Protein backbone atom coordinates (compact mmCIF):
# COMPACT_ATOMS: atom_id res chain seq x y z
CA MET A 1 87.52 18.24 71.19
CA GLY A 2 89.08 17.59 74.84
CA GLN A 3 89.12 18.97 78.20
CA SER A 4 91.59 18.84 81.00
CA GLY A 5 93.92 15.60 80.32
CA GLY A 6 91.47 15.55 76.96
CA GLY A 7 92.80 19.21 76.57
CA PHE A 8 96.16 18.30 77.02
CA GLY A 9 95.79 15.20 74.33
CA VAL A 10 94.33 17.49 71.39
CA VAL A 11 97.72 19.96 71.55
CA GLY A 12 99.71 17.17 72.03
CA GLN A 13 97.96 15.57 69.11
CA MET A 14 98.73 19.20 67.81
CA THR A 15 102.38 19.10 67.68
CA LEU A 16 103.46 15.26 66.75
CA TYR A 17 105.47 15.53 64.03
CA ASP A 18 106.08 19.06 64.75
CA GLY A 19 102.94 19.62 63.73
CA LYS A 20 103.33 18.46 59.99
CA LYS A 21 100.67 15.43 59.47
CA PRO A 22 97.54 16.50 60.98
CA ASN A 23 94.80 14.42 60.64
CA PHE A 24 92.18 16.96 61.63
CA LYS A 25 90.55 19.82 60.10
CA ARG A 26 90.23 21.97 63.68
CA THR A 27 90.29 21.37 67.06
CA ILE A 28 88.58 22.20 70.43
CA PRO A 29 91.15 22.22 73.68
CA ARG A 30 89.29 23.19 76.73
CA SER A 31 90.75 23.73 80.12
CA ILE A 32 94.23 22.85 78.78
CA GLN A 33 96.37 20.10 81.45
CA ARG A 34 99.58 20.95 80.69
CA SER A 35 101.52 17.82 82.94
CA PRO A 36 105.62 18.08 83.54
CA SER A 37 106.87 16.69 80.57
CA PHE A 38 110.11 14.09 80.50
CA THR A 39 112.44 12.76 77.88
CA VAL A 40 113.45 8.91 77.24
CA SER A 41 116.56 9.34 79.22
CA GLU A 42 115.66 11.28 81.92
CA LEU A 43 112.68 9.07 82.99
CA SER A 44 115.24 5.95 82.86
CA GLU A 45 116.62 6.80 86.04
CA ARG A 46 112.71 7.05 87.51
CA ASN A 47 112.28 3.54 85.99
CA ALA A 48 115.48 2.20 87.38
CA ALA A 49 114.16 3.77 91.13
CA ILE A 50 110.78 2.40 90.66
CA ALA A 51 112.67 -1.25 89.89
CA ALA A 52 115.02 -1.27 93.04
CA VAL A 53 111.25 -0.55 94.98
CA LEU A 54 109.95 -3.53 93.49
CA ASN A 55 113.24 -5.63 94.06
CA CYS A 56 113.56 -6.60 90.04
CA PRO A 57 115.71 -9.15 89.42
CA SER A 58 119.02 -7.92 87.20
CA SER A 59 118.68 -10.93 85.04
CA SER A 60 115.11 -9.53 83.93
CA SER A 61 113.64 -6.90 81.55
CA GLN A 62 112.17 -3.74 83.97
CA LEU A 63 109.32 -3.93 81.90
CA ALA A 64 108.79 -7.94 82.39
CA CYS A 65 109.31 -6.63 86.38
CA PHE A 66 106.78 -4.32 86.19
CA ARG A 67 104.07 -6.44 84.32
CA LYS A 68 104.26 -9.14 86.92
CA ALA A 69 104.29 -6.70 89.67
CA ASN A 70 100.36 -6.72 91.30
CA ALA A 71 98.83 -2.84 91.00
CA SER A 72 99.00 -2.04 94.47
CA ASP A 73 102.52 -2.67 94.60
CA PHE A 74 103.28 -0.63 91.57
CA VAL A 75 101.25 1.67 92.72
CA ASN A 76 103.08 1.92 96.16
CA ALA A 77 106.11 1.85 94.41
CA VAL A 78 105.96 4.75 91.49
CA LEU A 79 104.72 7.23 94.63
CA SER A 80 107.39 6.30 96.75
CA VAL A 81 109.73 7.21 94.09
CA ASN A 82 107.81 10.41 92.73
CA GLY A 83 108.10 11.90 96.51
CA GLY A 84 108.42 15.48 96.39
CA GLY A 85 106.80 15.46 92.99
CA LYS A 86 109.84 15.14 91.13
CA TRP A 87 108.06 13.88 88.25
CA GLY A 88 105.67 15.74 88.33
CA GLY A 89 101.24 14.79 89.66
CA ASN A 90 101.53 12.23 87.38
CA SER A 91 104.78 10.63 88.07
CA GLY A 92 105.58 11.21 84.40
CA PHE A 93 103.70 8.58 83.45
CA VAL A 94 102.36 11.59 80.19
CA PRO A 95 103.18 11.97 76.59
CA THR A 96 107.00 11.59 76.45
CA VAL A 97 109.46 14.27 74.57
CA ASP A 98 111.45 11.18 72.57
CA GLY A 99 112.73 13.30 69.73
CA TYR A 100 110.76 11.81 67.01
CA THR A 101 106.18 11.71 67.51
CA LEU A 102 107.32 14.87 69.96
CA THR A 103 110.57 16.42 69.38
CA ASP A 104 109.90 18.72 72.59
CA THR A 105 107.60 19.80 75.67
CA VAL A 106 104.28 20.74 74.18
CA THR A 107 104.55 24.02 75.57
CA ARG A 108 107.89 24.83 73.88
CA LEU A 109 106.42 23.39 70.45
CA PHE A 110 103.56 26.07 70.70
CA GLN A 111 106.29 28.92 71.42
CA SER A 112 108.47 27.52 68.51
CA GLY A 113 105.26 27.72 65.49
CA LYS A 114 105.84 23.81 65.47
CA PHE A 115 102.10 23.00 65.53
CA ALA A 116 98.98 21.59 63.44
CA LYS A 117 97.59 25.79 62.09
CA VAL A 118 94.20 24.86 61.73
CA PRO A 119 91.14 26.45 63.07
CA MET A 120 90.89 26.22 66.69
CA ILE A 121 88.65 27.33 70.18
CA ALA A 122 90.41 27.38 73.45
CA GLY A 123 89.78 28.88 76.92
CA THR A 124 89.63 27.99 80.42
CA VAL A 125 87.22 28.34 83.13
CA THR A 126 87.15 31.00 85.56
CA ASP A 127 87.89 29.63 88.84
CA GLU A 128 90.01 26.15 87.62
CA SER A 129 91.23 25.83 90.77
CA ALA A 130 88.60 26.48 93.16
CA ALA A 131 87.38 22.77 93.94
CA ALA A 132 90.74 21.39 94.57
CA THR A 133 92.49 23.92 96.61
CA PRO A 134 91.56 23.51 100.68
CA LYS A 135 90.77 26.55 101.92
CA THR A 136 94.08 26.63 104.50
CA SER A 137 95.45 26.85 101.15
CA SER A 138 98.53 29.88 101.50
CA ILE A 139 100.56 31.07 98.40
CA THR A 140 103.82 30.73 100.67
CA ASN A 141 103.29 27.23 100.34
CA THR A 142 104.89 24.85 97.90
CA SER A 143 102.19 22.29 98.34
CA SER A 144 99.33 24.37 98.10
CA ILE A 145 99.69 25.74 94.64
CA GLY A 146 101.80 22.45 93.10
CA ALA A 147 104.88 24.07 92.20
CA PHE A 148 106.59 21.12 94.05
CA ASN A 149 110.16 21.66 91.72
CA MET A 150 110.08 25.63 91.77
CA SER A 151 113.06 27.42 93.13
CA SER A 152 112.26 29.38 96.86
CA GLU A 153 113.44 32.37 95.00
CA TYR A 154 110.99 32.00 92.16
CA LEU A 155 108.10 31.09 94.90
CA SER A 156 108.97 34.28 96.45
CA LYS A 157 108.35 35.59 93.42
CA VAL A 158 105.16 34.22 93.00
CA GLN A 159 103.97 35.31 95.88
CA SER A 160 104.78 39.31 95.35
CA PHE A 161 102.59 38.55 92.12
CA TYR A 162 99.42 37.51 93.80
CA PRO A 163 98.64 40.34 96.62
CA PHE A 164 95.42 40.28 98.50
CA ASN A 165 93.40 43.15 99.31
CA SER A 166 89.50 42.83 100.20
CA THR A 167 88.78 46.07 99.44
CA PHE A 168 89.87 46.52 95.74
CA ALA A 169 90.13 42.83 94.47
CA SER A 170 88.62 41.35 91.35
CA ARG A 171 87.34 38.08 91.46
CA SER A 172 88.69 36.94 87.74
CA GLY A 173 91.91 37.89 88.75
CA THR A 174 92.55 40.34 85.99
CA ALA A 175 92.79 42.87 88.17
CA ASN A 176 95.60 43.59 90.63
CA PHE A 177 94.71 42.47 93.83
CA PHE A 178 93.16 39.07 94.64
CA VAL A 179 89.90 38.85 97.72
CA ASN A 180 92.13 37.07 99.97
CA GLU A 181 94.82 34.37 99.99
CA TRP A 182 92.73 31.56 99.49
CA ARG A 183 91.82 33.12 96.16
CA ALA A 184 95.44 34.13 95.61
CA ALA A 185 96.30 30.55 95.86
CA VAL A 186 92.94 29.26 93.53
CA GLN A 187 94.92 31.59 90.81
CA ALA A 188 98.59 31.03 91.73
CA ASN A 189 98.58 27.43 91.28
CA ALA A 190 100.75 25.37 88.99
CA GLY A 191 99.03 22.93 88.15
CA LEU A 192 94.97 23.99 87.32
CA GLY A 193 95.33 27.84 87.82
CA GLU A 194 97.68 30.78 86.17
CA GLY A 195 100.73 28.32 86.32
CA GLY A 196 99.05 25.13 84.17
CA ILE A 197 95.61 25.26 82.94
CA ALA A 198 94.53 29.31 83.17
CA CYS A 199 97.54 30.57 81.04
CA SER A 200 97.33 27.11 78.42
CA GLU A 201 94.81 28.99 76.70
CA ARG A 202 96.98 32.66 76.40
CA LEU A 203 99.75 29.63 75.40
CA VAL A 204 98.14 28.41 72.24
CA ASN A 205 95.83 31.53 71.42
CA ALA A 206 99.09 34.07 71.08
CA ALA A 207 101.10 30.79 69.41
CA MET A 208 98.11 30.70 66.73
CA ALA A 209 98.30 34.43 66.42
CA GLU A 210 102.12 35.07 65.78
CA TYR A 211 102.33 31.61 63.45
CA GLY A 212 99.24 30.78 62.23
CA GLY A 213 98.71 33.27 59.25
CA ASN A 214 95.25 33.95 58.61
CA THR A 215 94.09 30.73 60.34
CA LYS A 216 91.17 32.24 62.81
CA HIS A 217 91.41 30.77 66.22
CA TRP A 218 89.04 32.13 69.45
CA GLY A 219 89.26 32.08 73.19
CA PHE A 220 86.99 32.14 75.66
CA ARG A 221 86.74 31.98 79.66
CA PHE A 222 83.63 30.23 81.07
CA GLU A 223 81.53 32.05 84.07
CA ALA A 224 78.92 30.08 84.61
CA PRO A 225 79.37 27.80 87.27
CA THR A 226 78.97 23.96 87.18
CA VAL A 227 75.00 22.96 86.15
CA THR A 228 73.59 22.61 89.76
CA GLN A 229 76.07 23.82 91.93
CA GLY A 230 74.52 27.52 91.58
CA GLY A 231 71.46 26.37 92.88
CA PRO A 232 68.19 28.76 92.71
CA THR A 233 70.69 32.04 92.84
CA GLY A 234 73.29 30.94 90.26
CA VAL A 235 76.11 31.81 92.85
CA ALA A 236 79.22 29.24 93.18
CA TRP A 237 82.73 29.30 92.14
CA VAL A 238 82.89 28.26 88.19
CA ALA A 239 85.29 25.66 89.07
CA HIS A 240 87.27 22.97 86.70
CA SER A 241 84.69 21.09 83.99
CA ALA A 242 81.77 23.85 84.42
CA ASP A 243 81.50 24.46 80.99
CA ASN A 244 81.69 20.55 80.03
CA SER A 245 78.46 19.93 82.50
CA TYR A 246 76.45 22.86 79.61
CA LEU A 247 77.59 20.46 76.65
CA GLN A 248 76.86 17.04 77.88
CA ASN A 249 73.88 17.23 81.09
CA ALA A 250 70.65 16.54 80.44
CA THR A 251 68.83 19.44 79.97
CA ALA A 252 65.82 18.27 82.13
CA VAL A 253 67.91 18.63 85.50
CA MET A 254 68.81 22.49 84.64
CA THR A 255 68.23 26.08 85.89
CA GLU A 256 65.93 28.41 83.53
CA GLN A 257 69.47 29.93 83.68
CA GLU A 258 71.63 27.20 82.85
CA LEU A 259 69.85 26.07 80.38
CA GLU A 260 69.86 29.68 78.58
CA VAL A 261 73.59 29.44 78.78
CA ALA A 262 73.62 25.68 77.36
CA GLU A 263 71.86 26.32 74.16
CA GLU A 264 74.07 29.43 73.30
CA TRP A 265 77.07 27.41 74.07
CA ARG A 266 76.06 24.66 71.99
CA GLY A 267 75.38 26.78 69.91
CA TYR A 268 78.24 27.85 69.34
CA ILE A 269 80.42 24.76 70.08
CA GLY A 270 78.03 23.55 67.07
CA SER A 271 78.70 25.98 64.58
CA PHE A 272 82.72 25.47 64.83
CA ILE A 273 82.26 21.79 64.62
CA LYS A 274 79.89 21.89 61.71
CA THR A 275 81.32 24.73 59.60
CA GLY A 276 84.52 26.06 61.18
CA ASP A 277 83.46 29.23 62.89
CA PRO A 278 81.19 29.61 66.21
CA ASN A 279 79.34 32.46 64.52
CA THR A 280 77.66 31.10 61.46
CA GLU A 281 75.48 28.95 62.96
CA ARG A 282 75.35 30.58 66.72
CA VAL A 283 71.51 31.00 68.99
CA LYS A 284 69.68 34.04 67.67
CA ASP A 285 70.66 36.96 69.40
CA SER A 286 73.81 35.61 71.00
CA VAL A 287 77.27 37.56 71.11
CA TYR A 288 78.86 37.66 68.27
CA TRP A 289 81.88 36.33 68.89
CA PRO A 290 85.26 37.65 67.26
CA PRO A 291 88.72 35.83 67.03
CA TYR A 292 91.50 35.98 69.41
CA ASN A 293 93.57 38.81 67.37
CA ALA A 294 90.42 41.38 66.54
CA LEU A 295 91.94 43.80 67.85
CA GLY A 296 95.11 43.29 66.01
CA ASP A 297 96.86 43.46 68.83
CA TYR A 298 97.13 39.73 70.53
CA ASN A 299 100.20 40.50 73.05
CA ASN A 300 98.33 43.24 74.59
CA SER A 301 94.50 43.62 74.16
CA PRO A 302 93.46 39.58 73.44
CA VAL A 303 89.55 39.35 73.09
CA ARG A 304 87.51 36.18 74.67
CA LEU A 305 84.17 35.52 74.98
CA VAL A 306 82.78 35.05 78.82
CA PRO A 307 79.76 32.60 79.03
CA ALA A 308 77.74 33.92 81.80
CA PHE A 309 74.03 33.97 83.67
CA ARG A 310 72.03 37.17 83.26
CA PHE A 311 71.55 38.52 86.45
CA PRO A 312 69.27 41.57 87.62
CA SER A 313 72.03 43.45 87.40
CA ASN A 314 72.66 43.32 83.57
CA PRO A 315 68.84 43.50 82.96
CA GLY A 316 69.14 43.40 79.46
CA THR A 317 67.43 46.81 78.25
CA GLY A 318 67.50 46.79 74.52
CA THR A 319 68.25 43.63 74.01
CA GLN A 320 66.91 39.93 73.15
CA GLN A 321 70.21 38.06 74.58
CA LYS A 322 68.99 35.74 76.76
CA THR A 323 72.54 35.45 78.94
CA GLY A 324 73.93 37.45 80.29
CA THR A 325 77.39 36.60 78.11
CA GLN A 326 79.95 39.30 76.87
CA LEU A 327 83.29 39.94 75.69
CA GLU A 328 86.16 41.05 77.24
CA VAL A 329 89.99 42.50 76.65
CA MET A 330 91.99 40.25 78.82
CA GLN A 331 93.73 42.75 81.39
CA ARG A 332 97.36 43.36 81.74
CA PRO A 333 98.22 41.71 85.63
CA GLY A 334 96.28 38.66 84.13
CA LEU A 335 99.19 38.47 80.79
CA GLU A 336 101.67 39.31 82.56
CA ARG A 337 101.07 36.76 85.29
CA CYS A 338 100.44 34.07 82.22
CA ASP A 339 103.26 35.45 80.47
CA TRP A 340 105.88 34.79 83.30
CA TRP A 341 104.73 31.48 83.94
CA LEU A 342 105.42 30.41 80.11
CA SER A 343 108.66 31.94 79.99
CA GLU A 344 111.36 29.26 79.75
CA GLU A 345 113.30 30.14 83.09
CA VAL A 346 109.83 29.06 84.59
CA ILE A 347 109.29 26.59 82.41
CA ALA A 348 112.16 25.23 82.74
CA GLN A 349 111.61 24.13 86.30
CA ILE A 350 108.18 23.25 86.53
CA ARG A 351 108.66 21.20 83.44
CA ALA A 352 105.02 22.03 82.20
């Protein structure tokens, strides 16, 4: 199990050796942060540029020179070489496509069925990039959405895909309009938004549905804000890592709303870890969590669990359920935007 960079580590493990040598029985990749990936030969160019900045003598190996440099000089050299984000947010220091352990990028390996087919829970949170996106952000600004390597033609497409209309908007981004330009930028972000983490759930669950045969797998969109962030009203953005807080924070610091979601969420996750199915030992009266492909059409009608607080707007008449957790069928606007972000024409530019 892993979240964010850890989620990327999990799916990376699933694609090692094209998925032919798994040493695990089930996986839980959450908020999968797919970083731009490069080949060994491509990174040779980056390394040569770093060596030049550090004035590495031609008679010594690059590795020896890098190790000899002090930390601040090395970091500054890397940052100077990565001006404009050519090598991604991590400057290319991520798992490398070496043609052996990783034969291609994680995205392409999932799309071609080259991954371990094991039971899986994968998902995201509603507002992944809300905490990291300045309120002045705009979808017309390349740096605001983190799409450093994207051409102007494709940036224009991004802007057209995320229109804002305060009257007919949807906060979760599943409808056709967004509340304002900041909310559009949150959803369009190429790192934490739909250009990255938010659509990684679509990538891995759709691939498992396509190539996994009878392998069971489940999707989710976490809708409860980070523990203590919502305060007594429980209202806040559901930003990156929110689901983590319900698995690892001490229950003593939680509000009643938070505790109810935490017990339910831990029940699902614990049941899956123990039995391979989140429903087997789930909390009593909690919602049954159907597999991603429960409706038989993962392309158009994928099913996700939405863990959430109970508010006065859902009084719970006729049910003993303590939370507002429900099921959703992912809507077409979000599906189609994800499928565009995951298309070869786009991932070839942003290298995700």
